[in-house]
Amino acid sequence: MNDTARKPARAEQQPRPVKGLRVQIISALIGGAGVRLAGVALSFLVGVQLARHLGPQEYGLYGTVLAVTSIAAVFAQLGLPQLLTREVALSGSAAGDSRAKAALVYFHLVAGGLSVLAMGGLLCLAVLLPKNSVLPRGPILYVSIAIIPTIALINLGVGALRGLHRPVAAQLQDALVRPALLAVLLWVATLAGIHFNAYFAIVLQLASGAIALAICFAMVFSSVPATLRVAPMETAIRGWVASATSIGFTDVLRMIDGQ
């Protein structure tokens, strides 16, 4: 009697998670595709704005500076964003929450420290390389190296959002927020009649990155469940170092090839 009563209940409960998972996947795909398309359009708009105001020589200098800082930012991340996605996605149990919380805390500290090393490395290269090298000199270099930690920490936040099962929010941060902020800042500067050069464009890039980083931190903080916040921290240093090194090496090669 009890067995026959339990069977219908099980049959009713089985389709629910499948249907919910299907809806989540479809909504994530549609939302992610829409965000990507909007991000491509905004990036194109930013490129047109900069090309019109900077001219060939200044725009080339701007692109060179961004390429150098983007490569340096990959060294600052060391594959940690992908690793953070994995660690946070495994939360939900006591052990998983402990490792996820430790990863959230320590990965950001490591990325900050590596960003400082990358910034110092670029300054050393600027001193050691000849003056006619591709690496720019002067104030534009000093401002551009400050972009490195914003790129590294934003990508960590994107990795955390993916692990917290918020793929659309992660796509927003990865593809939309920063170019949208930069487009708005460029538009405001145009209305104000400010003269554009590569240095000013890098300053706006840094400002948009700082605002995007604050938004990313707020989104991650609001998405972290209460059980993860109060969990004790448990590290897995050896496993993290091995995984981050292999992922980071692949990312460095991919970034150098792209730039």
Protein backbone atom coordinates (compact mmCIF):
# COMPACT_ATOMS: atom_id res chain seq x y z
CA MET A 1 0.00 0.00 0.00
CA ASN A 2 2.72 2.40 0.92
CA ASP A 3 4.79 1.42 -2.14
CA THR A 4 1.94 2.06 -4.56
CA ALA A 5 1.29 5.41 -2.92
CA ARG A 6 4.91 6.50 -3.32
CA LYS A 7 5.26 5.66 -7.03
CA PRO A 8 2.99 8.41 -8.40
CA ALA A 9 4.73 10.96 -6.20
CA ARG A 10 8.12 10.01 -7.66
CA ALA A 11 6.72 10.08 -11.18
CA GLU A 12 5.40 13.61 -10.60
CA GLN A 13 8.66 14.90 -9.16
CA GLN A 14 11.03 13.60 -11.84
CA PRO A 15 10.10 15.87 -14.79
CA ARG A 16 10.37 19.10 -12.77
CA PRO A 17 14.14 19.49 -12.56
CA VAL A 18 14.50 18.43 -16.22
CA LYS A 19 12.03 21.08 -17.30
CA GLY A 20 13.65 23.68 -15.08
CA LEU A 21 17.10 22.87 -16.43
CA ARG A 22 15.79 23.08 -20.00
CA VAL A 23 14.31 26.52 -19.33
CA GLN A 24 17.54 27.71 -17.71
CA ILE A 25 19.65 26.54 -20.65
CA ILE A 26 17.35 28.12 -23.25
CA SER A 27 17.09 31.42 -21.37
CA ALA A 28 20.86 31.52 -20.86
CA LEU A 29 21.49 30.87 -24.56
CA ILE A 30 19.01 33.51 -25.72
CA GLY A 31 20.14 36.05 -23.13
CA GLY A 32 23.82 35.40 -23.78
CA ALA A 33 23.39 35.72 -27.56
CA GLY A 34 21.52 39.01 -27.14
CA VAL A 35 24.19 40.39 -24.81
CA ARG A 36 26.96 39.33 -27.20
CA LEU A 37 25.27 41.00 -30.17
CA ALA A 38 24.76 44.20 -28.18
CA GLY A 39 28.38 44.07 -27.04
CA VAL A 40 29.64 43.71 -30.62
CA ALA A 41 27.51 46.68 -31.68
CA LEU A 42 28.80 48.81 -28.80
CA SER A 43 32.42 47.83 -29.48
CA PHE A 44 31.95 48.85 -33.12
CA LEU A 45 30.44 52.16 -31.98
CA VAL A 46 33.40 52.81 -29.66
CA GLY A 47 35.83 52.01 -32.48
CA VAL A 48 34.08 54.49 -34.79
CA GLN A 49 34.09 57.18 -32.08
CA LEU A 50 37.80 56.74 -31.37
CA ALA A 51 38.79 56.53 -35.05
CA ARG A 52 36.96 59.78 -35.82
CA HIS A 53 38.51 61.73 -32.94
CA LEU A 54 42.03 60.28 -32.75
CA GLY A 55 43.16 59.91 -36.35
CA PRO A 56 45.48 57.18 -37.68
CA GLN A 57 48.60 57.94 -35.63
CA GLU A 58 46.92 58.45 -32.24
CA TYR A 59 44.54 55.56 -32.82
CA GLY A 60 47.50 53.31 -33.61
CA LEU A 61 49.20 54.39 -30.38
CA TYR A 62 45.98 53.74 -28.45
CA GLY A 63 45.64 50.26 -29.95
CA THR A 64 49.27 49.41 -29.20
CA VAL A 65 48.95 50.45 -25.57
CA LEU A 66 45.77 48.39 -25.11
CA ALA A 67 47.38 45.34 -26.75
CA VAL A 68 50.37 45.52 -24.39
CA THR A 69 48.22 45.94 -21.28
CA SER A 70 45.86 43.14 -22.38
CA ILE A 71 48.79 40.71 -22.68
CA ALA A 72 50.13 41.81 -19.28
CA ALA A 73 46.67 41.34 -17.76
CA VAL A 74 46.69 37.68 -18.86
CA PHE A 75 49.84 37.15 -16.80
CA ALA A 76 48.09 38.87 -13.88
CA GLN A 77 45.15 36.44 -14.07
CA LEU A 78 47.16 33.20 -14.48
CA GLY A 79 44.06 31.21 -15.43
CA LEU A 80 42.32 32.07 -12.16
CA PRO A 81 38.93 33.15 -13.65
CA GLN A 82 38.27 29.70 -15.18
CA LEU A 83 39.49 27.98 -12.03
CA LEU A 84 37.24 30.20 -9.90
CA THR A 85 34.23 29.21 -12.01
CA ARG A 86 34.95 25.55 -11.28
CA GLU A 87 35.47 26.04 -7.55
CA VAL A 88 32.38 28.19 -7.03
CA ALA A 89 30.23 25.86 -9.15
CA LEU A 90 31.12 22.99 -6.81
CA SER A 91 29.72 24.82 -3.78
CA GLY A 92 26.51 23.67 -2.11
CA SER A 93 27.96 21.26 0.41
CA ALA A 94 29.96 22.11 3.53
CA ALA A 95 33.27 21.16 1.92
CA GLY A 96 32.36 22.82 -1.38
CA ASP A 97 31.34 26.06 0.33
CA SER A 98 34.62 26.17 2.27
CA ARG A 99 36.73 25.77 -0.87
CA ALA A 100 34.59 28.19 -2.87
CA LYS A 101 34.88 30.89 -0.19
CA ALA A 102 38.65 30.42 0.03
CA ALA A 103 38.91 30.64 -3.76
CA LEU A 104 36.84 33.83 -3.85
CA VAL A 105 39.06 35.49 -1.26
CA TYR A 106 42.52 34.23 -2.17
CA PHE A 107 42.17 34.36 -5.96
CA HIS A 108 41.39 38.08 -5.80
CA LEU A 109 44.39 38.67 -3.54
CA VAL A 110 46.65 36.68 -5.87
CA ALA A 111 45.34 38.53 -8.94
CA GLY A 112 45.99 41.84 -7.20
CA GLY A 113 49.55 40.83 -6.34
CA LEU A 114 50.23 39.52 -9.85
CA SER A 115 48.82 42.76 -11.28
CA VAL A 116 51.37 44.75 -9.28
CA LEU A 117 54.15 42.49 -10.62
CA ALA A 118 52.88 42.91 -14.19
CA MET A 119 52.76 46.69 -13.78
CA GLY A 120 56.31 46.70 -12.45
CA GLY A 121 57.42 44.42 -15.29
CA LEU A 122 56.09 46.82 -17.93
CA LEU A 123 57.86 49.74 -16.28
CA CYS A 124 61.12 47.77 -16.26
CA LEU A 125 60.69 46.92 -19.93
CA ALA A 126 60.11 50.58 -20.71
CA VAL A 127 63.48 51.39 -19.11
CA LEU A 128 65.44 48.49 -20.62
CA LEU A 129 64.10 48.46 -24.18
CA PRO A 130 65.40 50.98 -26.76
CA LYS A 131 63.43 54.16 -27.33
CA ASN A 132 62.29 53.12 -30.81
CA SER A 133 60.64 49.90 -29.53
CA VAL A 134 56.93 49.23 -29.79
CA LEU A 135 56.37 49.87 -26.07
CA PRO A 136 55.17 53.48 -25.57
CA ARG A 137 56.82 55.78 -23.07
CA GLY A 138 55.75 58.63 -20.83
CA PRO A 139 52.44 59.42 -19.11
CA ILE A 140 50.37 57.20 -21.40
CA LEU A 141 52.30 54.16 -20.14
CA TYR A 142 51.85 55.13 -16.49
CA VAL A 143 48.09 55.46 -16.94
CA SER A 144 47.72 52.35 -19.09
CA ILE A 145 49.39 50.02 -16.57
CA ALA A 146 46.64 50.91 -14.09
CA ILE A 147 44.19 49.18 -16.46
CA ILE A 148 45.86 45.80 -15.78
CA PRO A 149 44.28 45.15 -12.33
CA THR A 150 40.84 46.27 -13.55
CA ILE A 151 40.94 43.73 -16.41
CA ALA A 152 42.19 40.93 -14.15
CA LEU A 153 39.68 41.56 -11.36
CA ILE A 154 36.72 42.03 -13.71
CA ASN A 155 37.50 38.69 -15.36
CA LEU A 156 37.66 37.09 -11.91
CA GLY A 157 34.24 38.54 -11.15
CA VAL A 158 32.92 37.16 -14.45
CA GLY A 159 34.28 33.74 -13.49
CA ALA A 160 32.60 33.95 -10.10
CA LEU A 161 29.25 34.90 -11.65
CA ARG A 162 29.43 31.91 -13.98
CA GLY A 163 30.13 29.62 -11.05
CA LEU A 164 27.19 31.14 -9.18
CA HIS A 165 24.90 30.08 -12.05
CA ARG A 166 24.39 33.60 -13.39
CA PRO A 167 25.60 33.22 -17.01
CA VAL A 168 23.68 36.19 -18.40
CA ALA A 169 25.04 38.50 -15.69
CA ALA A 170 28.52 37.20 -16.46
CA GLN A 171 27.98 37.91 -20.16
CA LEU A 172 26.82 41.43 -19.29
CA GLN A 173 30.07 42.11 -17.46
CA ASP A 174 32.23 40.40 -20.04
CA ALA A 175 30.81 41.91 -23.23
CA LEU A 176 28.51 44.86 -22.52
CA VAL A 177 29.12 46.92 -19.39
CA ARG A 178 32.61 48.22 -20.10
CA PRO A 179 32.11 49.20 -23.79
CA ALA A 180 28.77 50.78 -22.86
CA LEU A 181 30.42 52.90 -20.16
CA LEU A 182 33.25 53.87 -22.51
CA ALA A 183 30.78 54.84 -25.24
CA VAL A 184 28.90 57.08 -22.78
CA LEU A 185 32.12 58.71 -21.55
CA LEU A 186 33.26 59.36 -25.13
CA TRP A 187 29.88 60.88 -25.96
CA VAL A 188 30.01 63.16 -22.89
CA ALA A 189 33.57 64.23 -23.76
CA THR A 190 32.47 65.01 -27.31
CA LEU A 191 29.59 67.16 -26.07
CA ALA A 192 31.98 68.97 -23.73
CA GLY A 193 34.27 69.80 -26.65
CA ILE A 194 37.32 68.08 -25.12
CA HIS A 195 40.30 67.53 -27.44
CA PHE A 196 40.99 63.84 -27.99
CA ASN A 197 44.36 62.14 -28.08
CA ALA A 198 45.59 58.64 -27.22
CA TYR A 199 46.38 59.61 -23.64
CA PHE A 200 42.86 60.96 -23.02
CA ALA A 201 41.32 57.84 -24.59
CA ILE A 202 43.36 55.66 -22.21
CA VAL A 203 42.19 57.76 -19.27
CA LEU A 204 38.57 57.17 -20.32
CA GLN A 205 39.33 53.47 -20.73
CA LEU A 206 40.68 53.38 -17.18
CA ALA A 207 37.64 55.26 -15.83
CA SER A 208 35.17 52.93 -17.55
CA GLY A 209 37.11 49.92 -16.24
CA ALA A 210 37.03 51.23 -12.66
CA ILE A 211 33.25 51.79 -12.82
CA ALA A 212 32.71 48.36 -14.40
CA LEU A 213 34.82 46.77 -11.67
CA ALA A 214 32.68 48.36 -8.95
CA ILE A 215 29.51 47.11 -10.67
CA CYS A 216 31.02 43.63 -11.02
CA PHE A 217 31.96 43.44 -7.34
CA ALA A 218 28.44 44.51 -6.36
CA MET A 219 26.88 41.83 -8.56
CA VAL A 220 29.14 39.11 -7.19
CA PHE A 221 28.56 40.16 -3.58
CA SER A 222 24.77 40.17 -4.01
CA SER A 223 24.87 36.75 -5.71
CA VAL A 224 26.88 34.91 -3.04
CA PRO A 225 24.51 32.75 -0.94
CA ALA A 226 24.42 33.14 2.83
CA THR A 227 25.73 29.62 3.45
CA LEU A 228 28.87 30.38 1.46
CA ARG A 229 29.49 33.68 3.27
CA VAL A 230 29.54 32.08 6.73
CA ALA A 231 31.46 28.94 5.71
CA PRO A 232 35.01 28.44 7.01
CA MET A 233 37.76 28.68 4.40
CA GLU A 234 39.58 25.58 3.20
CA THR A 235 42.36 25.90 0.63
CA ALA A 236 43.75 23.48 -1.95
CA ILE A 237 46.96 25.28 -2.86
CA ARG A 238 48.73 22.49 -4.77
CA GLY A 239 45.76 21.66 -6.94
CA TRP A 240 45.05 25.33 -7.61
CA VAL A 241 48.63 26.09 -8.62
CA ALA A 242 48.80 23.12 -10.99
CA SER A 243 45.48 23.94 -12.66
CA ALA A 244 46.09 27.70 -12.84
CA THR A 245 49.52 27.24 -14.39
CA SER A 246 48.28 25.05 -17.25
CA ILE A 247 45.22 27.23 -17.92
CA GLY A 248 47.25 30.43 -17.67
CA PHE A 249 49.90 29.21 -20.13
CA THR A 250 47.19 28.45 -22.70
CA ASP A 251 45.57 31.87 -22.15
CA VAL A 252 48.89 33.66 -22.62
CA LEU A 253 49.51 31.94 -25.96
CA ARG A 254 45.94 32.65 -27.10
CA MET A 255 46.19 36.33 -26.17
CA ILE A 256 49.58 36.81 -27.81
CA ASP A 257 48.29 35.15 -30.98
CA GLY A 258 45.20 37.35 -31.01
CA GLN A 259 47.04 40.62 -30.39
